[in-house]
Amino acid sequence: MTPTTPKNTNLFNCIFVSLAIFTPILMVIVAGMLPEGSRGAMVVTGHKFLAAILGLALVLRVVYELGFTHAHKRPAEGRRDSVIA
């Protein structure tokens, strides 16, 4: 019997999802310990920083994947040796 959900062991996906889920939770907990005046600023700044980091991670992931796709296509295109017997 096989499971119906695919097993995804990609480390990038695990880290990305963990950051996206747990970082806002931790920010709200930490902000609850701060004085009243600086709570809102800390949460807003923290969420901006988190959005920037997650966006950069996605862009780097796409560039990484496209780079490997391009690198694998290039040797196949470059070698066009004809064999004459």
C-alpha atoms as a PDB file:
ATOM      1  CA  MET A   1       0.000   0.000   0.000  1.00  0.00           C
ATOM      2  CA  THR A   2       1.450   3.361  -1.007  1.00  0.00           C
ATOM      3  CA  PRO A   3       0.642   6.717   0.594  1.00  0.00           C
ATOM      4  CA  THR A   4      -1.570   9.074  -1.377  1.00  0.00           C
ATOM      5  CA  THR A   5       0.564  12.139  -0.684  1.00  0.00           C
ATOM      6  CA  PRO A   6       3.953  12.448  -2.361  1.00  0.00           C
ATOM      7  CA  LYS A   7       6.965  12.365  -0.068  1.00  0.00           C
ATOM      8  CA  ASN A   8       8.744  15.673  -0.510  1.00  0.00           C
ATOM      9  CA  THR A   9      12.189  15.625   1.065  1.00  0.00           C
ATOM     10  CA  ASN A  10      13.462  18.787  -0.568  1.00  0.00           C
ATOM     11  CA  LEU A  11      15.420  20.666   2.102  1.00  0.00           C
ATOM     12  CA  PHE A  12      14.669  24.059   0.570  1.00  0.00           C
ATOM     13  CA  ASN A  13      10.917  23.518   0.822  1.00  0.00           C
ATOM     14  CA  CYS A  14      11.158  22.390   4.452  1.00  0.00           C
ATOM     15  CA  ILE A  15      13.226  25.417   5.489  1.00  0.00           C
ATOM     16  CA  PHE A  16      11.099  27.850   3.470  1.00  0.00           C
ATOM     17  CA  VAL A  17       7.833  26.629   4.961  1.00  0.00           C
ATOM     18  CA  SER A  18       9.276  26.558   8.474  1.00  0.00           C
ATOM     19  CA  LEU A  19      10.425  30.170   8.170  1.00  0.00           C
ATOM     20  CA  ALA A  20       7.116  31.265   6.688  1.00  0.00           C
ATOM     21  CA  ILE A  21       5.116  29.650   9.497  1.00  0.00           C
ATOM     22  CA  PHE A  22       7.178  30.017  12.657  1.00  0.00           C
ATOM     23  CA  THR A  23       8.854  33.412  12.227  1.00  0.00           C
ATOM     24  CA  PRO A  24       5.633  35.478  12.492  1.00  0.00           C
ATOM     25  CA  ILE A  25       4.578  33.439  15.519  1.00  0.00           C
ATOM     26  CA  LEU A  26       7.890  34.074  17.256  1.00  0.00           C
ATOM     27  CA  MET A  27       7.751  37.788  16.359  1.00  0.00           C
ATOM     28  CA  VAL A  28       4.349  38.182  17.984  1.00  0.00           C
ATOM     29  CA  ILE A  29       5.526  36.346  21.111  1.00  0.00           C
ATOM     30  CA  VAL A  30       8.635  38.538  21.368  1.00  0.00           C
ATOM     31  CA  ALA A  31       6.591  41.689  20.685  1.00  0.00           C
ATOM     32  CA  GLY A  32       4.324  40.766  23.571  1.00  0.00           C
ATOM     33  CA  MET A  33       7.286  41.115  25.917  1.00  0.00           C
ATOM     34  CA  LEU A  34       8.213  44.602  24.673  1.00  0.00           C
ATOM     35  CA  PRO A  35       6.885  47.888  26.067  1.00  0.00           C
ATOM     36  CA  GLU A  36       3.658  49.202  24.543  1.00  0.00           C
ATOM     37  CA  GLY A  37       5.232  51.866  22.294  1.00  0.00           C
ATOM     38  CA  SER A  38       7.596  49.658  20.324  1.00  0.00           C
ATOM     39  CA  ARG A  39       5.451  46.562  19.783  1.00  0.00           C
ATOM     40  CA  GLY A  40       3.795  47.642  16.576  1.00  0.00           C
ATOM     41  CA  ALA A  41       6.978  48.934  14.996  1.00  0.00           C
ATOM     42  CA  MET A  42       8.806  45.702  15.779  1.00  0.00           C
ATOM     43  CA  VAL A  43       6.076  43.522  14.283  1.00  0.00           C
ATOM     44  CA  VAL A  44       5.727  45.646  11.122  1.00  0.00           C
ATOM     45  CA  THR A  45       9.485  45.862  10.587  1.00  0.00           C
ATOM     46  CA  GLY A  46       9.887  42.166  11.281  1.00  0.00           C
ATOM     47  CA  HIS A  47       7.203  41.206   8.785  1.00  0.00           C
ATOM     48  CA  LYS A  48       8.758  43.447   6.123  1.00  0.00           C
ATOM     49  CA  PHE A  49      12.111  41.785   6.733  1.00  0.00           C
ATOM     50  CA  LEU A  50      10.527  38.326   6.597  1.00  0.00           C
ATOM     51  CA  ALA A  51       8.744  39.125   3.316  1.00  0.00           C
ATOM     52  CA  ALA A  52      12.014  40.391   1.815  1.00  0.00           C
ATOM     53  CA  ILE A  53      13.917  37.268   2.911  1.00  0.00           C
ATOM     54  CA  LEU A  54      11.250  34.881   1.602  1.00  0.00           C
ATOM     55  CA  GLY A  55      11.022  36.780  -1.688  1.00  0.00           C
ATOM     56  CA  LEU A  56      14.784  36.701  -2.107  1.00  0.00           C
ATOM     57  CA  ALA A  57      14.823  32.977  -1.332  1.00  0.00           C
ATOM     58  CA  LEU A  58      12.244  32.319  -4.050  1.00  0.00           C
ATOM     59  CA  VAL A  59      14.143  34.396  -6.598  1.00  0.00           C
ATOM     60  CA  LEU A  60      17.414  32.631  -5.791  1.00  0.00           C
ATOM     61  CA  ARG A  61      15.707  29.261  -6.042  1.00  0.00           C
ATOM     62  CA  VAL A  62      14.342  30.090  -9.501  1.00  0.00           C
ATOM     63  CA  VAL A  63      17.737  31.356 -10.669  1.00  0.00           C
ATOM     64  CA  TYR A  64      19.377  28.215  -9.267  1.00  0.00           C
ATOM     65  CA  GLU A  65      16.940  25.941 -11.120  1.00  0.00           C
ATOM     66  CA  LEU A  66      17.209  27.899 -14.380  1.00  0.00           C
ATOM     67  CA  GLY A  67      20.985  27.863 -14.127  1.00  0.00           C
ATOM     68  CA  PHE A  68      21.081  24.094 -13.952  1.00  0.00           C
ATOM     69  CA  THR A  69      18.599  23.793 -16.809  1.00  0.00           C
ATOM     70  CA  HIS A  70      20.755  26.073 -18.939  1.00  0.00           C
ATOM     71  CA  ALA A  71      23.938  24.263 -17.943  1.00  0.00           C
ATOM     72  CA  HIS A  72      22.510  20.889 -18.932  1.00  0.00           C
ATOM     73  CA  LYS A  73      21.265  22.146 -22.316  1.00  0.00           C
ATOM     74  CA  ARG A  74      24.522  23.832 -23.252  1.00  0.00           C
ATOM     75  CA  PRO A  75      26.812  20.785 -23.635  1.00  0.00           C
ATOM     76  CA  ALA A  76      24.171  19.028 -25.718  1.00  0.00           C
ATOM     77  CA  GLU A  77      23.968  21.982 -28.105  1.00  0.00           C
ATOM     78  CA  GLY A  78      27.723  22.534 -28.356  1.00  0.00           C
ATOM     79  CA  ARG A  79      28.769  19.023 -29.429  1.00  0.00           C
ATOM     80  CA  ARG A  80      27.553  18.349 -32.913  1.00  0.00           C
ATOM     81  CA  ASP A  81      30.242  16.052 -34.167  1.00  0.00           C
ATOM     82  CA  SER A  82      29.463  14.290 -37.383  1.00  0.00           C
ATOM     83  CA  VAL A  83      30.820  10.839 -37.790  1.00  0.00           C
ATOM     84  CA  ILE A  84      32.055   9.981 -41.234  1.00  0.00           C
ATOM     85  CA  ALA A  85      33.040   6.379 -41.768  1.00  0.00           C
END
